Amino acid sequence: LFSLINYARFIGINPEDALEKTNRKFIKRFQYLESKAKEQGKQLQDM
């Protein structure tokens, strides 16, 4: 992880911002998944 953070710094990427944006992207997609499952009357644990 430390070496990846170092590389990110070299190419001008803020690793904290990058990871947080990925977190938000995952949350958005997962919540879409939840809403679509609910529309079909399903529970995620049953899929």
All heavy atoms as atom14 arrays in JSON, in Angstrom:
{
  "sequence": "LFSLINYARFIGINPEDALEKTNRKFIKRFQYLESKAKEQGKQLQDM",
  "atom14_mask": [
    [1, 1, 1, 1, 1, 1, 1, 1, 0, 0, 0, 0, 0, 0],
    [1, 1, 1, 1, 1, 1, 1, 1, 1, 1, 1, 0, 0, 0],
    [1, 1, 1, 1, 1, 1, 0, 0, 0, 0, 0, 0, 0, 0],
    [1, 1, 1, 1, 1, 1, 1, 1, 0, 0, 0, 0, 0, 0],
    [1, 1, 1, 1, 1, 1, 1, 1, 0, 0, 0, 0, 0, 0],
    [1, 1, 1, 1, 1, 1, 1, 1, 0, 0, 0, 0, 0, 0],
    [1, 1, 1, 1, 1, 1, 1, 1, 1, 1, 1, 1, 0, 0],
    [1, 1, 1, 1, 1, 0, 0, 0, 0, 0, 0, 0, 0, 0],
    [1, 1, 1, 1, 1, 1, 1, 1, 1, 1, 1, 0, 0, 0],
    [1, 1, 1, 1, 1, 1, 1, 1, 1, 1, 1, 0, 0, 0],
    [1, 1, 1, 1, 1, 1, 1, 1, 0, 0, 0, 0, 0, 0],
    [1, 1, 1, 1, 0, 0, 0, 0, 0, 0, 0, 0, 0, 0],
    [1, 1, 1, 1, 1, 1, 1, 1, 0, 0, 0, 0, 0, 0],
    [1, 1, 1, 1, 1, 1, 1, 1, 0, 0, 0, 0, 0, 0],
    [1, 1, 1, 1, 1, 1, 1, 0, 0, 0, 0, 0, 0, 0],
    [1, 1, 1, 1, 1, 1, 1, 1, 1, 0, 0, 0, 0, 0],
    [1, 1, 1, 1, 1, 1, 1, 1, 0, 0, 0, 0, 0, 0],
    [1, 1, 1, 1, 1, 0, 0, 0, 0, 0, 0, 0, 0, 0],
    [1, 1, 1, 1, 1, 1, 1, 1, 0, 0, 0, 0, 0, 0],
    [1, 1, 1, 1, 1, 1, 1, 1, 1, 0, 0, 0, 0, 0],
    [1, 1, 1, 1, 1, 1, 1, 1, 1, 0, 0, 0, 0, 0],
    [1, 1, 1, 1, 1, 1, 1, 0, 0, 0, 0, 0, 0, 0],
    [1, 1, 1, 1, 1, 1, 1, 1, 0, 0, 0, 0, 0, 0],
    [1, 1, 1, 1, 1, 1, 1, 1, 1, 1, 1, 0, 0, 0],
    [1, 1, 1, 1, 1, 1, 1, 1, 1, 0, 0, 0, 0, 0],
    [1, 1, 1, 1, 1, 1, 1, 1, 1, 1, 1, 0, 0, 0],
    [1, 1, 1, 1, 1, 1, 1, 1, 0, 0, 0, 0, 0, 0],
    [1, 1, 1, 1, 1, 1, 1, 1, 1, 0, 0, 0, 0, 0],
    [1, 1, 1, 1, 1, 1, 1, 1, 1, 1, 1, 0, 0, 0],
    [1, 1, 1, 1, 1, 1, 1, 1, 1, 1, 1, 0, 0, 0],
    [1, 1, 1, 1, 1, 1, 1, 1, 1, 0, 0, 0, 0, 0],
    [1, 1, 1, 1, 1, 1, 1, 1, 1, 1, 1, 1, 0, 0],
    [1, 1, 1, 1, 1, 1, 1, 1, 0, 0, 0, 0, 0, 0],
    [1, 1, 1, 1, 1, 1, 1, 1, 1, 0, 0, 0, 0, 0],
    [1, 1, 1, 1, 1, 1, 0, 0, 0, 0, 0, 0, 0, 0],
    [1, 1, 1, 1, 1, 1, 1, 1, 1, 0, 0, 0, 0, 0],
    [1, 1, 1, 1, 1, 0, 0, 0, 0, 0, 0, 0, 0, 0],
    [1, 1, 1, 1, 1, 1, 1, 1, 1, 0, 0, 0, 0, 0],
    [1, 1, 1, 1, 1, 1, 1, 1, 1, 0, 0, 0, 0, 0],
    [1, 1, 1, 1, 1, 1, 1, 1, 1, 0, 0, 0, 0, 0],
    [1, 1, 1, 1, 0, 0, 0, 0, 0, 0, 0, 0, 0, 0],
    [1, 1, 1, 1, 1, 1, 1, 1, 1, 0, 0, 0, 0, 0],
    [1, 1, 1, 1, 1, 1, 1, 1, 1, 0, 0, 0, 0, 0],
    [1, 1, 1, 1, 1, 1, 1, 1, 0, 0, 0, 0, 0, 0],
    [1, 1, 1, 1, 1, 1, 1, 1, 1, 0, 0, 0, 0, 0],
    [1, 1, 1, 1, 1, 1, 1, 1, 0, 0, 0, 0, 0, 0],
    [1, 1, 1, 1, 1, 1, 1, 1, 0, 0, 0, 0, 0, 0]
  ],
  "atom14_positions": [
    [[0.83, -1.21, 0.0], [0.0, 0.0, 0.0], [0.86, 1.26, 0.0], [0.58, 2.22, -0.72], [-0.93, 0.0, 1.22], [-2.14, -0.93, 1.19], [-2.9, -0.83, 2.5], [-3.06, -0.59, 0.02], [0.0, 0.0, 0.0], [0.0, 0.0, 0.0], [0.0, 0.0, 0.0], [0.0, 0.0, 0.0], [0.0, 0.0, 0.0], [0.0, 0.0, 0.0]],
    [[1.9, 1.26, 0.82], [2.78, 2.42, 0.92], [3.42, 2.73, -0.43], [3.52, 3.9, -0.84], [3.84, 2.17, 1.98], [4.59, 3.4, 2.42], [4.06, 4.23, 3.4], [5.82, 3.73, 1.86], [4.74, 5.37, 3.81], [6.5, 4.87, 2.26], [5.97, 5.69, 3.24], [0.0, 0.0, 0.0], [0.0, 0.0, 0.0], [0.0, 0.0, 0.0]],
    [[3.84, 1.67, -1.14], [4.48, 1.88, -2.45], [3.47, 2.37, -3.49], [3.79, 3.2, -4.35], [5.17, 0.6, -2.91], [4.24, -0.44, -3.14], [0.0, 0.0, 0.0], [0.0, 0.0, 0.0], [0.0, 0.0, 0.0], [0.0, 0.0, 0.0], [0.0, 0.0, 0.0], [0.0, 0.0, 0.0], [0.0, 0.0, 0.0], [0.0, 0.0, 0.0]],
    [[2.22, 1.88, -3.42], [1.18, 2.35, -4.33], [0.86, 3.82, -4.08], [0.64, 4.6, -5.03], [-0.08, 1.5, -4.18], [-0.08, 0.15, -4.89], [-1.27, -0.68, -4.42], [-0.11, 0.33, -6.4], [0.0, 0.0, 0.0], [0.0, 0.0, 0.0], [0.0, 0.0, 0.0], [0.0, 0.0, 0.0], [0.0, 0.0, 0.0], [0.0, 0.0, 0.0]],
    [[0.81, 4.2, -2.82], [0.57, 5.61, -2.47], [1.71, 6.47, -3.0], [1.49, 7.58, -3.51], [0.41, 5.76, -0.95], [-0.9, 5.1, -0.49], [0.44, 7.23, -0.53], [-1.0, 4.94, 1.01], [0.0, 0.0, 0.0], [0.0, 0.0, 0.0], [0.0, 0.0, 0.0], [0.0, 0.0, 0.0], [0.0, 0.0, 0.0], [0.0, 0.0, 0.0]],
    [[2.92, 5.95, -2.92], [4.08, 6.67, -3.44], [3.96, 6.87, -4.95], [4.23, 7.96, -5.48], [5.35, 5.88, -3.12], [6.52, 6.78, -2.8], [6.45, 7.99, -2.92], [7.62, 6.18, -2.38], [0.0, 0.0, 0.0], [0.0, 0.0, 0.0], [0.0, 0.0, 0.0], [0.0, 0.0, 0.0], [0.0, 0.0, 0.0], [0.0, 0.0, 0.0]],
    [[3.54, 5.83, -5.65], [3.39, 5.94, -7.1], [2.29, 6.94, -7.45], [2.43, 7.73, -8.4], [3.09, 4.58, -7.72], [3.12, 4.61, -9.23], [4.33, 4.68, -9.92], [1.94, 4.59, -9.97], [4.37, 4.75, -11.3], [1.97, 4.65, -11.36], [3.18, 4.72, -12.02], [3.21, 4.79, -13.39], [0.0, 0.0, 0.0], [0.0, 0.0, 0.0]],
    [[1.19, 6.88, -6.7], [0.1, 7.83, -6.94], [0.61, 9.27, -6.82], [0.26, 10.14, -7.62], [-1.03, 7.58, -5.94], [0.0, 0.0, 0.0], [0.0, 0.0, 0.0], [0.0, 0.0, 0.0], [0.0, 0.0, 0.0], [0.0, 0.0, 0.0], [0.0, 0.0, 0.0], [0.0, 0.0, 0.0], [0.0, 0.0, 0.0], [0.0, 0.0, 0.0]],
    [[1.44, 9.51, -5.83], [1.99, 10.85, -5.63], [2.82, 11.27, -6.84], [2.76, 12.42, -7.29], [2.86, 10.88, -4.37], [3.55, 12.19, -4.1], [4.29, 12.15, -2.75], [5.26, 11.08, -2.7], [6.5, 11.18, -3.18], [6.9, 12.3, -3.76], [7.34, 10.18, -3.07], [0.0, 0.0, 0.0], [0.0, 0.0, 0.0], [0.0, 0.0, 0.0]],
    [[3.59, 10.33, -7.4], [4.44, 10.64, -8.54], [3.65, 11.01, -9.78], [4.13, 11.78, -10.63], [5.37, 9.46, -8.84], [6.78, 9.68, -8.39], [7.14, 9.51, -7.07], [7.76, 10.08, -9.29], [8.43, 9.73, -6.64], [9.06, 10.3, -8.88], [9.4, 10.13, -7.55], [0.0, 0.0, 0.0], [0.0, 0.0, 0.0], [0.0, 0.0, 0.0]],
    [[2.43, 10.46, -9.92], [1.66, 10.75, -11.12], [0.51, 11.74, -10.84], [-0.4, 11.9, -11.63], [1.11, 9.47, -11.78], [0.19, 8.71, -10.82], [2.25, 8.58, -12.25], [-0.46, 7.48, -11.46], [0.0, 0.0, 0.0], [0.0, 0.0, 0.0], [0.0, 0.0, 0.0], [0.0, 0.0, 0.0], [0.0, 0.0, 0.0], [0.0, 0.0, 0.0]],
    [[0.58, 12.39, -9.66], [-0.34, 13.46, -9.36], [-1.73, 13.04, -8.93], [-2.7, 13.78, -9.12], [0.0, 0.0, 0.0], [0.0, 0.0, 0.0], [0.0, 0.0, 0.0], [0.0, 0.0, 0.0], [0.0, 0.0, 0.0], [0.0, 0.0, 0.0], [0.0, 0.0, 0.0], [0.0, 0.0, 0.0], [0.0, 0.0, 0.0], [0.0, 0.0, 0.0]],
    [[-1.84, 11.85, -8.34], [-3.13, 11.37, -7.83], [-3.12, 11.45, -6.31], [-2.18, 10.98, -5.67], [-3.4, 9.92, -8.26], [-3.6, 9.84, -9.77], [-4.62, 9.34, -7.54], [-3.73, 8.42, -10.3], [0.0, 0.0, 0.0], [0.0, 0.0, 0.0], [0.0, 0.0, 0.0], [0.0, 0.0, 0.0], [0.0, 0.0, 0.0], [0.0, 0.0, 0.0]],
    [[-4.16, 12.06, -5.74], [-4.32, 12.06, -4.3], [-4.99, 10.74, -3.91], [-6.15, 10.52, -4.25], [-5.18, 13.24, -3.84], [-5.31, 13.32, -2.34], [-5.76, 12.36, -1.7], [-4.96, 14.44, -1.76], [0.0, 0.0, 0.0], [0.0, 0.0, 0.0], [0.0, 0.0, 0.0], [0.0, 0.0, 0.0], [0.0, 0.0, 0.0], [0.0, 0.0, 0.0]],
    [[-4.28, 9.84, -3.23], [-4.85, 8.51, -2.95], [-6.08, 8.54, -2.07], [-6.99, 7.73, -2.23], [-3.69, 7.77, -2.28], [-2.79, 8.83, -1.75], [-2.91, 9.97, -2.7], [0.0, 0.0, 0.0], [0.0, 0.0, 0.0], [0.0, 0.0, 0.0], [0.0, 0.0, 0.0], [0.0, 0.0, 0.0], [0.0, 0.0, 0.0], [0.0, 0.0, 0.0]],
    [[-6.15, 9.49, -1.14], [-7.33, 9.6, -0.28], [-8.56, 9.97, -1.11], [-9.63, 9.35, -0.97], [-7.08, 10.65, 0.8], [-8.3, 10.99, 1.65], [-8.74, 9.87, 2.57], [-7.94, 8.96, 2.83], [-9.9, 9.92, 3.03], [0.0, 0.0, 0.0], [0.0, 0.0, 0.0], [0.0, 0.0, 0.0], [0.0, 0.0, 0.0], [0.0, 0.0, 0.0]],
    [[-8.4, 10.96, -1.99], [-9.51, 11.36, -2.85], [-9.9, 10.23, -3.8], [-11.09, 9.97, -4.02], [-9.13, 12.59, -3.69], [-9.02, 13.86, -2.85], [-9.44, 13.83, -1.67], [-8.5, 14.87, -3.37], [0.0, 0.0, 0.0], [0.0, 0.0, 0.0], [0.0, 0.0, 0.0], [0.0, 0.0, 0.0], [0.0, 0.0, 0.0], [0.0, 0.0, 0.0]],
    [[-8.9, 9.55, -4.35], [-9.17, 8.47, -5.29], [-9.97, 7.35, -4.63], [-10.96, 6.85, -5.19], [-7.86, 7.91, -5.84], [0.0, 0.0, 0.0], [0.0, 0.0, 0.0], [0.0, 0.0, 0.0], [0.0, 0.0, 0.0], [0.0, 0.0, 0.0], [0.0, 0.0, 0.0], [0.0, 0.0, 0.0], [0.0, 0.0, 0.0], [0.0, 0.0, 0.0]],
    [[-9.56, 6.96, -3.42], [-10.26, 5.87, -2.74], [-11.66, 6.3, -2.32], [-12.61, 5.51, -2.43], [-9.45, 5.43, -1.51], [-10.03, 4.25, -0.73], [-10.21, 3.03, -1.62], [-9.14, 3.91, 0.47], [0.0, 0.0, 0.0], [0.0, 0.0, 0.0], [0.0, 0.0, 0.0], [0.0, 0.0, 0.0], [0.0, 0.0, 0.0], [0.0, 0.0, 0.0]],
    [[-11.81, 7.54, -1.87], [-13.13, 8.01, -1.46], [-14.08, 8.07, -2.65], [-15.27, 7.72, -2.53], [-13.03, 9.39, -0.8], [-14.38, 9.99, -0.39], [-15.21, 9.11, 0.52], [-14.66, 8.2, 1.17], [-16.43, 9.31, 0.58], [0.0, 0.0, 0.0], [0.0, 0.0, 0.0], [0.0, 0.0, 0.0], [0.0, 0.0, 0.0], [0.0, 0.0, 0.0]],
    [[-13.58, 8.47, -3.82], [-14.43, 8.49, -5.01], [-14.84, 7.09, -5.41], [-15.97, 6.85, -5.86], [-13.71, 9.21, -6.15], [-13.61, 10.72, -5.94], [-12.78, 11.4, -7.01], [-12.69, 12.9, -6.73], [-11.82, 13.6, -7.71], [0.0, 0.0, 0.0], [0.0, 0.0, 0.0], [0.0, 0.0, 0.0], [0.0, 0.0, 0.0], [0.0, 0.0, 0.0]],
    [[-13.93, 6.13, -5.24], [-14.27, 4.74, -5.51], [-15.3, 4.23, -4.5], [-16.24, 3.5, -4.86], [-13.02, 3.85, -5.49], [-12.15, 4.23, -6.56], [-13.38, 2.38, -5.65], [0.0, 0.0, 0.0], [0.0, 0.0, 0.0], [0.0, 0.0, 0.0], [0.0, 0.0, 0.0], [0.0, 0.0, 0.0], [0.0, 0.0, 0.0], [0.0, 0.0, 0.0]],
    [[-15.15, 4.63, -3.24], [-16.15, 4.26, -2.22], [-17.53, 4.76, -2.63], [-18.53, 4.03, -2.55], [-15.78, 4.87, -0.86], [-14.58, 4.22, -0.23], [-14.22, 3.09, -0.57], [-13.94, 4.91, 0.69], [0.0, 0.0, 0.0], [0.0, 0.0, 0.0], [0.0, 0.0, 0.0], [0.0, 0.0, 0.0], [0.0, 0.0, 0.0], [0.0, 0.0, 0.0]],
    [[-17.59, 6.02, -3.05], [-18.87, 6.61, -3.42], [-19.46, 5.92, -4.66], [-20.67, 5.71, -4.75], [-18.7, 8.1, -3.69], [-18.39, 8.9, -2.44], [-18.16, 10.37, -2.75], [-17.99, 11.11, -1.51], [-18.5, 12.31, -1.28], [-19.21, 12.91, -2.21], [-18.3, 12.93, -0.14], [0.0, 0.0, 0.0], [0.0, 0.0, 0.0], [0.0, 0.0, 0.0]],
    [[-18.59, 5.57, -5.6], [-19.04, 4.88, -6.8], [-19.62, 3.51, -6.44], [-20.67, 3.11, -6.95], [-17.86, 4.73, -7.77], [-18.2, 4.03, -9.07], [-17.04, 4.16, -10.06], [-15.75, 3.58, -9.53], [-14.65, 3.7, -10.51], [0.0, 0.0, 0.0], [0.0, 0.0, 0.0], [0.0, 0.0, 0.0], [0.0, 0.0, 0.0], [0.0, 0.0, 0.0]],
    [[-18.94, 2.81, -5.54], [-19.43, 1.49, -5.12], [-20.78, 1.61, -4.41], [-21.7, 0.83, -4.67], [-18.41, 0.82, -4.2], [-18.81, -0.57, -3.79], [-18.4, -1.68, -4.53], [-19.6, -0.79, -2.67], [-18.78, -2.97, -4.17], [-19.99, -2.07, -2.3], [-19.58, -3.17, -3.05], [0.0, 0.0, 0.0], [0.0, 0.0, 0.0], [0.0, 0.0, 0.0]],
    [[-20.88, 2.6, -3.52], [-22.14, 2.79, -2.78], [-23.28, 3.07, -3.75], [-24.38, 2.49, -3.64], [-22.0, 3.96, -1.78], [-21.07, 3.54, -0.62], [-23.37, 4.38, -1.24], [-20.68, 4.69, 0.29], [0.0, 0.0, 0.0], [0.0, 0.0, 0.0], [0.0, 0.0, 0.0], [0.0, 0.0, 0.0], [0.0, 0.0, 0.0], [0.0, 0.0, 0.0]],
    [[-23.06, 3.94, -4.73], [-24.1, 4.29, -5.69], [-24.55, 3.06, -6.47], [-25.75, 2.81, -6.65], [-23.57, 5.35, -6.66], [-24.59, 5.79, -7.7], [-23.99, 6.86, -8.62], [-24.99, 7.27, -9.7], [-24.42, 8.28, -10.63], [0.0, 0.0, 0.0], [0.0, 0.0, 0.0], [0.0, 0.0, 0.0], [0.0, 0.0, 0.0], [0.0, 0.0, 0.0]],
    [[-23.58, 2.26, -6.93], [-23.92, 1.07, -7.7], [-24.59, 0.01, -6.85], [-25.53, -0.67, -7.3], [-22.66, 0.51, -8.37], [-22.11, 1.41, -9.46], [-20.8, 0.9, -10.03], [-20.29, 1.79, -11.07], [-19.12, 1.64, -11.67], [-18.32, 0.62, -11.34], [-18.72, 2.48, -12.6], [0.0, 0.0, 0.0], [0.0, 0.0, 0.0], [0.0, 0.0, 0.0]],
    [[-24.13, -0.15, -5.62], [-24.72, -1.16, -4.75], [-26.15, -0.79, -4.38], [-27.04, -1.65, -4.33], [-23.87, -1.33, -3.48], [-24.25, -2.54, -2.67], [-23.76, -3.79, -3.0], [-25.1, -2.42, -1.58], [-24.11, -4.91, -2.27], [-25.46, -3.53, -0.84], [-24.97, -4.79, -1.18], [0.0, 0.0, 0.0], [0.0, 0.0, 0.0], [0.0, 0.0, 0.0]],
    [[-26.38, 0.5, -4.15], [-27.74, 0.94, -3.84], [-28.67, 0.79, -5.04], [-29.87, 0.52, -4.88], [-27.71, 2.38, -3.32], [-27.09, 2.49, -1.93], [-26.97, 3.91, -1.43], [-27.0, 4.86, -2.21], [-26.82, 4.07, -0.13], [0.0, 0.0, 0.0], [0.0, 0.0, 0.0], [0.0, 0.0, 0.0], [0.0, 0.0, 0.0], [0.0, 0.0, 0.0]],
    [[-28.13, 0.94, -6.24], [-28.91, 0.67, -7.46], [-29.29, -0.8, -7.49], [-30.44, -1.15, -7.8], [-28.08, 1.04, -8.69], [-28.79, 0.78, -10.0], [-29.57, 1.75, -10.6], [-28.64, -0.46, -10.66], [-30.21, 1.52, -11.81], [-29.29, -0.71, -11.86], [-30.06, 0.28, -12.44], [-30.71, 0.05, -13.63], [0.0, 0.0, 0.0], [0.0, 0.0, 0.0]],
    [[-28.33, -1.65, -7.19], [-28.57, -3.09, -7.13], [-29.67, -3.42, -6.13], [-30.59, -4.2, -6.41], [-27.27, -3.8, -6.77], [-27.31, -5.28, -6.37], [-27.86, -6.13, -7.5], [-25.92, -5.76, -5.98], [0.0, 0.0, 0.0], [0.0, 0.0, 0.0], [0.0, 0.0, 0.0], [0.0, 0.0, 0.0], [0.0, 0.0, 0.0], [0.0, 0.0, 0.0]],
    [[-29.6, -2.8, -4.96], [-30.62, -3.03, -3.93], [-32.0, -2.6, -4.41], [-33.0, -3.31, -4.18], [-30.25, -2.27, -2.65], [-29.07, -2.85, -1.9], [-28.71, -2.03, -0.68], [-28.65, -0.78, -0.82], [-28.5, -2.6, 0.41], [0.0, 0.0, 0.0], [0.0, 0.0, 0.0], [0.0, 0.0, 0.0], [0.0, 0.0, 0.0], [0.0, 0.0, 0.0]],
    [[-32.07, -1.43, -5.06], [-33.37, -0.91, -5.49], [-33.97, -1.79, -6.58], [-35.19, -2.02, -6.61], [-33.23, 0.53, -5.98], [-32.46, 0.6, -7.16], [0.0, 0.0, 0.0], [0.0, 0.0, 0.0], [0.0, 0.0, 0.0], [0.0, 0.0, 0.0], [0.0, 0.0, 0.0], [0.0, 0.0, 0.0], [0.0, 0.0, 0.0], [0.0, 0.0, 0.0]],
    [[-33.14, -2.28, -7.5], [-33.63, -3.14, -8.57], [-34.11, -4.49, -8.02], [-35.13, -5.04, -8.49], [-32.54, -3.36, -9.62], [-32.31, -2.17, -10.52], [-33.56, -1.85, -11.32], [-33.37, -0.69, -12.26], [-34.59, -0.39, -13.05], [0.0, 0.0, 0.0], [0.0, 0.0, 0.0], [0.0, 0.0, 0.0], [0.0, 0.0, 0.0], [0.0, 0.0, 0.0]],
    [[-33.4, -5.01, -7.05], [-33.82, -6.27, -6.43], [-35.17, -6.08, -5.73], [-36.06, -6.92, -5.83], [-32.77, -6.74, -5.44], [0.0, 0.0, 0.0], [0.0, 0.0, 0.0], [0.0, 0.0, 0.0], [0.0, 0.0, 0.0], [0.0, 0.0, 0.0], [0.0, 0.0, 0.0], [0.0, 0.0, 0.0], [0.0, 0.0, 0.0], [0.0, 0.0, 0.0]],
    [[-35.32, -4.94, -5.07], [-36.57, -4.66, -4.36], [-37.73, -4.53, -5.34], [-38.85, -4.98, -5.07], [-36.41, -3.37, -3.55], [-37.59, -3.08, -2.63], [-37.31, -1.85, -1.77], [-38.49, -1.57, -0.85], [-38.23, -0.37, 0.0], [0.0, 0.0, 0.0], [0.0, 0.0, 0.0], [0.0, 0.0, 0.0], [0.0, 0.0, 0.0], [0.0, 0.0, 0.0]],
    [[-37.48, -3.92, -6.51], [-38.52, -3.79, -7.53], [-39.05, -5.14, -7.98], [-40.22, -5.29, -8.34], [-37.97, -3.04, -8.75], [-37.8, -1.54, -8.54], [-37.2, -0.87, -9.76], [-37.12, -1.53, -10.83], [-36.79, 0.3, -9.66], [0.0, 0.0, 0.0], [0.0, 0.0, 0.0], [0.0, 0.0, 0.0], [0.0, 0.0, 0.0], [0.0, 0.0, 0.0]],
    [[-38.17, -6.14, -7.94], [-38.55, -7.48, -8.35], [-39.01, -8.34, -7.17], [-39.25, -9.54, -7.33], [-37.4, -8.17, -9.07], [-37.02, -7.51, -10.39], [-36.06, -8.35, -11.21], [-35.66, -9.44, -10.82], [-35.71, -7.86, -12.39], [0.0, 0.0, 0.0], [0.0, 0.0, 0.0], [0.0, 0.0, 0.0], [0.0, 0.0, 0.0], [0.0, 0.0, 0.0]],
    [[-39.15, -7.7, -6.01], [-39.61, -8.42, -4.84], [-38.61, -9.43, -4.31], [-39.0, -10.43, -3.69], [0.0, 0.0, 0.0], [0.0, 0.0, 0.0], [0.0, 0.0, 0.0], [0.0, 0.0, 0.0], [0.0, 0.0, 0.0], [0.0, 0.0, 0.0], [0.0, 0.0, 0.0], [0.0, 0.0, 0.0], [0.0, 0.0, 0.0], [0.0, 0.0, 0.0]],
    [[-37.32, -9.15, -4.53], [-36.27, -10.08, -4.09], [-35.43, -9.47, -2.99], [-35.31, -8.25, -2.86], [-35.38, -10.46, -5.27], [-36.08, -11.21, -6.38], [-35.1, -11.54, -7.5], [-35.78, -12.31, -8.63], [-34.83, -12.62, -9.74], [0.0, 0.0, 0.0], [0.0, 0.0, 0.0], [0.0, 0.0, 0.0], [0.0, 0.0, 0.0], [0.0, 0.0, 0.0]],
    [[-34.79, -10.34, -2.2], [-33.79, -9.95, -1.21], [-32.42, -10.32, -1.77], [-32.27, -11.38, -2.4], [-34.03, -10.66, 0.12], [-35.36, -10.33, 0.79], [-35.39, -8.9, 1.29], [-34.38, -8.35, 1.68], [-36.6, -8.31, 1.29], [0.0, 0.0, 0.0], [0.0, 0.0, 0.0], [0.0, 0.0, 0.0], [0.0, 0.0, 0.0], [0.0, 0.0, 0.0]],
    [[-31.43, -9.46, -1.56], [-30.1, -9.75, -2.1], [-29.57, -11.1, -1.64], [-28.95, -11.83, -2.42], [-29.12, -8.64, -1.69], [-29.3, -7.28, -2.35], [-28.17, -6.35, -1.93], [-29.36, -7.39, -3.86], [0.0, 0.0, 0.0], [0.0, 0.0, 0.0], [0.0, 0.0, 0.0], [0.0, 0.0, 0.0], [0.0, 0.0, 0.0], [0.0, 0.0, 0.0]],
    [[-29.84, -11.45, -0.38], [-29.31, -12.7, 0.14], [-29.93, -13.93, -0.52], [-29.4, -15.04, -0.41], [-29.48, -12.77, 1.66], [-30.92, -12.61, 2.15], [-31.23, -11.18, 2.52], [-30.69, -10.25, 1.91], [-32.08, -10.99, 3.53], [0.0, 0.0, 0.0], [0.0, 0.0, 0.0], [0.0, 0.0, 0.0], [0.0, 0.0, 0.0], [0.0, 0.0, 0.0]],
    [[-31.05, -13.71, -1.23], [-31.7, -14.82, -1.92], [-31.3, -14.9, -3.39], [-31.75, -15.8, -4.11], [-33.23, -14.69, -1.82], [-33.71, -14.74, -0.37], [-33.09, -15.46, 0.44], [-34.69, -14.02, -0.06], [0.0, 0.0, 0.0], [0.0, 0.0, 0.0], [0.0, 0.0, 0.0], [0.0, 0.0, 0.0], [0.0, 0.0, 0.0], [0.0, 0.0, 0.0]],
    [[-30.49, -13.97, -3.84], [-30.06, -13.95, -5.24], [-28.66, -14.53, -5.36], [-27.84, -14.41, -4.43], [-30.06, -12.5, -5.77], [-31.43, -11.84, -5.76], [-31.34, -10.06, -6.18], [-30.77, -10.11, -7.87], [0.0, 0.0, 0.0], [0.0, 0.0, 0.0], [0.0, 0.0, 0.0], [0.0, 0.0, 0.0], [0.0, 0.0, 0.0], [0.0, 0.0, 0.0]]
  ]
}
